[in-house]
Amino acid sequence: MIVSTTPQLEGYKITSYLGVVSGETIIGANVFKDFFASITDIVGGRAGAYERVLREAKATAMAEMEMQARSFGANAVVGIDLDYETIRDGMLMVTAAGTAVKIEKI
């Protein structure tokens, strides 16, 4: 499956738009507290453990979005938007959303 933040894919023609798809991941504050308590790799103001958790959350949200797109019969998702939101009680939500499409090579 091809996924892109752009509305079009170079070398491909969109043959049908199948609908909006999304994937969400929520990470609890306790996860971050545990990571911050054990961080030993902070260099130059960066927290490697924290960044790994965020990358994992993004990957999970993207995978869920792609799974939903496949269930729609799509072979690509265009116009993807990634959003990071803090929600109540210190929880973080990562959302990936885009448009499921069918494409064919030009």
C-alpha atoms as a PDB file:
ATOM      1  CA  MET A   1       0.000   0.000   0.000  1.00  0.00           C
ATOM      2  CA  ILE A   2       1.282   3.425  -0.952  1.00  0.00           C
ATOM      3  CA  VAL A   3       0.727   6.134   1.685  1.00  0.00           C
ATOM      4  CA  SER A   4       1.480   9.804   1.161  1.00  0.00           C
ATOM      5  CA  THR A   5       0.867  13.219   2.652  1.00  0.00           C
ATOM      6  CA  THR A   6       0.383  14.575  -0.866  1.00  0.00           C
ATOM      7  CA  PRO A   7      -3.042  14.663  -2.569  1.00  0.00           C
ATOM      8  CA  GLN A   8      -1.704  12.991  -5.743  1.00  0.00           C
ATOM      9  CA  LEU A   9       0.906  10.326  -6.460  1.00  0.00           C
ATOM     10  CA  GLU A  10       3.375  10.976  -9.250  1.00  0.00           C
ATOM     11  CA  GLY A  11       3.121   8.300 -11.939  1.00  0.00           C
ATOM     12  CA  TYR A  12      -0.303   7.108 -10.742  1.00  0.00           C
ATOM     13  CA  LYS A  13      -3.881   8.008 -11.552  1.00  0.00           C
ATOM     14  CA  ILE A  14      -6.534   7.931  -8.835  1.00  0.00           C
ATOM     15  CA  THR A  15      -9.428   5.883 -10.216  1.00  0.00           C
ATOM     16  CA  SER A  16     -11.725   6.078  -7.184  1.00  0.00           C
ATOM     17  CA  TYR A  17     -12.007   7.798  -3.865  1.00  0.00           C
ATOM     18  CA  LEU A  18     -13.258   5.371  -1.219  1.00  0.00           C
ATOM     19  CA  GLY A  19     -13.554   7.552   1.862  1.00  0.00           C
ATOM     20  CA  VAL A  20     -11.724   8.939   4.856  1.00  0.00           C
ATOM     21  CA  VAL A  21      -9.756   6.444   6.943  1.00  0.00           C
ATOM     22  CA  SER A  22      -8.003   6.927  10.261  1.00  0.00           C
ATOM     23  CA  GLY A  23      -6.031   5.213  12.960  1.00  0.00           C
ATOM     24  CA  GLU A  24      -5.605   6.351  16.539  1.00  0.00           C
ATOM     25  CA  THR A  25      -3.297   5.468  19.397  1.00  0.00           C
ATOM     26  CA  ILE A  26      -3.560   6.733  22.955  1.00  0.00           C
ATOM     27  CA  ILE A  27      -0.567   6.571  25.270  1.00  0.00           C
ATOM     28  CA  GLY A  28      -1.144   6.995  28.992  1.00  0.00           C
ATOM     29  CA  ALA A  29       0.833   9.369  31.183  1.00  0.00           C
ATOM     30  CA  ASN A  30       2.181   6.466  33.216  1.00  0.00           C
ATOM     31  CA  VAL A  31       4.081   5.281  30.144  1.00  0.00           C
ATOM     32  CA  PHE A  32       5.848   8.628  29.932  1.00  0.00           C
ATOM     33  CA  LYS A  33       6.560   8.746  33.668  1.00  0.00           C
ATOM     34  CA  ASP A  34       8.147   5.291  33.452  1.00  0.00           C
ATOM     35  CA  PHE A  35      10.291   6.349  30.514  1.00  0.00           C
ATOM     36  CA  PHE A  36      11.337   9.642  32.081  1.00  0.00           C
ATOM     37  CA  ALA A  37      12.247   7.843  35.298  1.00  0.00           C
ATOM     38  CA  SER A  38      14.637   5.573  33.407  1.00  0.00           C
ATOM     39  CA  ILE A  39      15.989   7.928  30.747  1.00  0.00           C
ATOM     40  CA  THR A  40      19.733   7.768  30.585  1.00  0.00           C
ATOM     41  CA  ASP A  41      20.190   8.751  26.964  1.00  0.00           C
ATOM     42  CA  ILE A  42      19.276  12.438  27.048  1.00  0.00           C
ATOM     43  CA  VAL A  43      21.845  14.159  24.861  1.00  0.00           C
ATOM     44  CA  GLY A  44      21.613  17.700  23.668  1.00  0.00           C
ATOM     45  CA  GLY A  45      18.165  18.140  25.165  1.00  0.00           C
ATOM     46  CA  ARG A  46      16.663  15.148  23.312  1.00  0.00           C
ATOM     47  CA  ALA A  47      14.976  12.243  25.042  1.00  0.00           C
ATOM     48  CA  GLY A  48      15.616   9.158  22.926  1.00  0.00           C
ATOM     49  CA  ALA A  49      13.281   6.896  24.897  1.00  0.00           C
ATOM     50  CA  TYR A  50      10.435   9.408  24.631  1.00  0.00           C
ATOM     51  CA  GLU A  51      11.027   9.783  20.890  1.00  0.00           C
ATOM     52  CA  ARG A  52      10.929   5.994  20.429  1.00  0.00           C
ATOM     53  CA  VAL A  53       7.536   5.845  22.170  1.00  0.00           C
ATOM     54  CA  LEU A  54       6.180   8.590  19.915  1.00  0.00           C
ATOM     55  CA  ARG A  55       7.518   6.828  16.783  1.00  0.00           C
ATOM     56  CA  GLU A  56       5.900   3.582  17.920  1.00  0.00           C
ATOM     57  CA  ALA A  57       2.578   5.356  18.539  1.00  0.00           C
ATOM     58  CA  LYS A  58       2.766   6.928  15.071  1.00  0.00           C
ATOM     59  CA  ALA A  59       3.550   3.556  13.467  1.00  0.00           C
ATOM     60  CA  THR A  60       0.563   1.964  15.242  1.00  0.00           C
ATOM     61  CA  ALA A  61      -1.803   4.738  14.129  1.00  0.00           C
ATOM     62  CA  MET A  62      -0.518   4.466  10.537  1.00  0.00           C
ATOM     63  CA  ALA A  63      -0.920   0.666  10.538  1.00  0.00           C
ATOM     64  CA  GLU A  64      -4.511   0.959  11.773  1.00  0.00           C
ATOM     65  CA  MET A  65      -5.261   3.543   9.074  1.00  0.00           C
ATOM     66  CA  GLU A  66      -3.789   1.278   6.380  1.00  0.00           C
ATOM     67  CA  MET A  67      -5.791  -1.703   7.683  1.00  0.00           C
ATOM     68  CA  GLN A  68      -9.000   0.307   7.446  1.00  0.00           C
ATOM     69  CA  ALA A  69      -8.073   1.432   3.916  1.00  0.00           C
ATOM     70  CA  ARG A  70      -7.544  -2.204   2.862  1.00  0.00           C
ATOM     71  CA  SER A  71     -10.981  -3.076   4.237  1.00  0.00           C
ATOM     72  CA  PHE A  72     -12.375  -0.382   1.900  1.00  0.00           C
ATOM     73  CA  GLY A  73     -10.601  -2.065  -1.036  1.00  0.00           C
ATOM     74  CA  ALA A  74      -7.978   0.675  -1.372  1.00  0.00           C
ATOM     75  CA  ASN A  75      -4.426   0.249  -2.594  1.00  0.00           C
ATOM     76  CA  ALA A  76      -3.267   3.709  -1.447  1.00  0.00           C
ATOM     77  CA  VAL A  77      -3.985   6.479   1.061  1.00  0.00           C
ATOM     78  CA  VAL A  78      -3.393  10.099   0.070  1.00  0.00           C
ATOM     79  CA  GLY A  79      -3.509  13.402   1.927  1.00  0.00           C
ATOM     80  CA  ILE A  80      -2.368  11.862   5.195  1.00  0.00           C
ATOM     81  CA  ASP A  81      -2.351  14.145   8.211  1.00  0.00           C
ATOM     82  CA  LEU A  82      -0.601  13.197  11.455  1.00  0.00           C
ATOM     83  CA  ASP A  83      -1.837  14.847  14.606  1.00  0.00           C
ATOM     84  CA  TYR A  84      -0.517  14.723  18.174  1.00  0.00           C
ATOM     85  CA  GLU A  85      -2.960  15.825  20.877  1.00  0.00           C
ATOM     86  CA  THR A  86      -2.737  15.964  24.650  1.00  0.00           C
ATOM     87  CA  ILE A  87      -5.985  14.788  26.161  1.00  0.00           C
ATOM     88  CA  ARG A  88      -7.233  14.641  29.757  1.00  0.00           C
ATOM     89  CA  ASP A  89      -5.133  13.200  32.572  1.00  0.00           C
ATOM     90  CA  GLY A  90      -1.880  13.687  30.673  1.00  0.00           C
ATOM     91  CA  MET A  91      -2.621  11.182  27.941  1.00  0.00           C
ATOM     92  CA  LEU A  92      -1.318  11.643  24.397  1.00  0.00           C
ATOM     93  CA  MET A  93      -3.287  10.701  21.289  1.00  0.00           C
ATOM     94  CA  VAL A  94      -1.642  10.180  17.911  1.00  0.00           C
ATOM     95  CA  THR A  95      -3.988  10.199  14.920  1.00  0.00           C
ATOM     96  CA  ALA A  96      -3.258   9.388  11.285  1.00  0.00           C
ATOM     97  CA  ALA A  97      -6.019  10.227   8.787  1.00  0.00           C
ATOM     98  CA  GLY A  98      -6.204  10.314   5.011  1.00  0.00           C
ATOM     99  CA  THR A  99      -8.305   9.436   1.982  1.00  0.00           C
ATOM    100  CA  ALA A 100      -8.436   5.801   0.870  1.00  0.00           C
ATOM    101  CA  VAL A 101      -8.159   5.547  -2.919  1.00  0.00           C
ATOM    102  CA  LYS A 102      -7.704   3.088  -5.730  1.00  0.00           C
ATOM    103  CA  ILE A 103      -4.829   3.957  -8.018  1.00  0.00           C
ATOM    104  CA  GLU A 104      -3.345   2.609 -11.228  1.00  0.00           C
ATOM    105  CA  LYS A 105       0.007   3.237 -12.833  1.00  0.00           C
ATOM    106  CA  ILE A 106      -0.032   5.744 -15.697  1.00  0.00           C
END
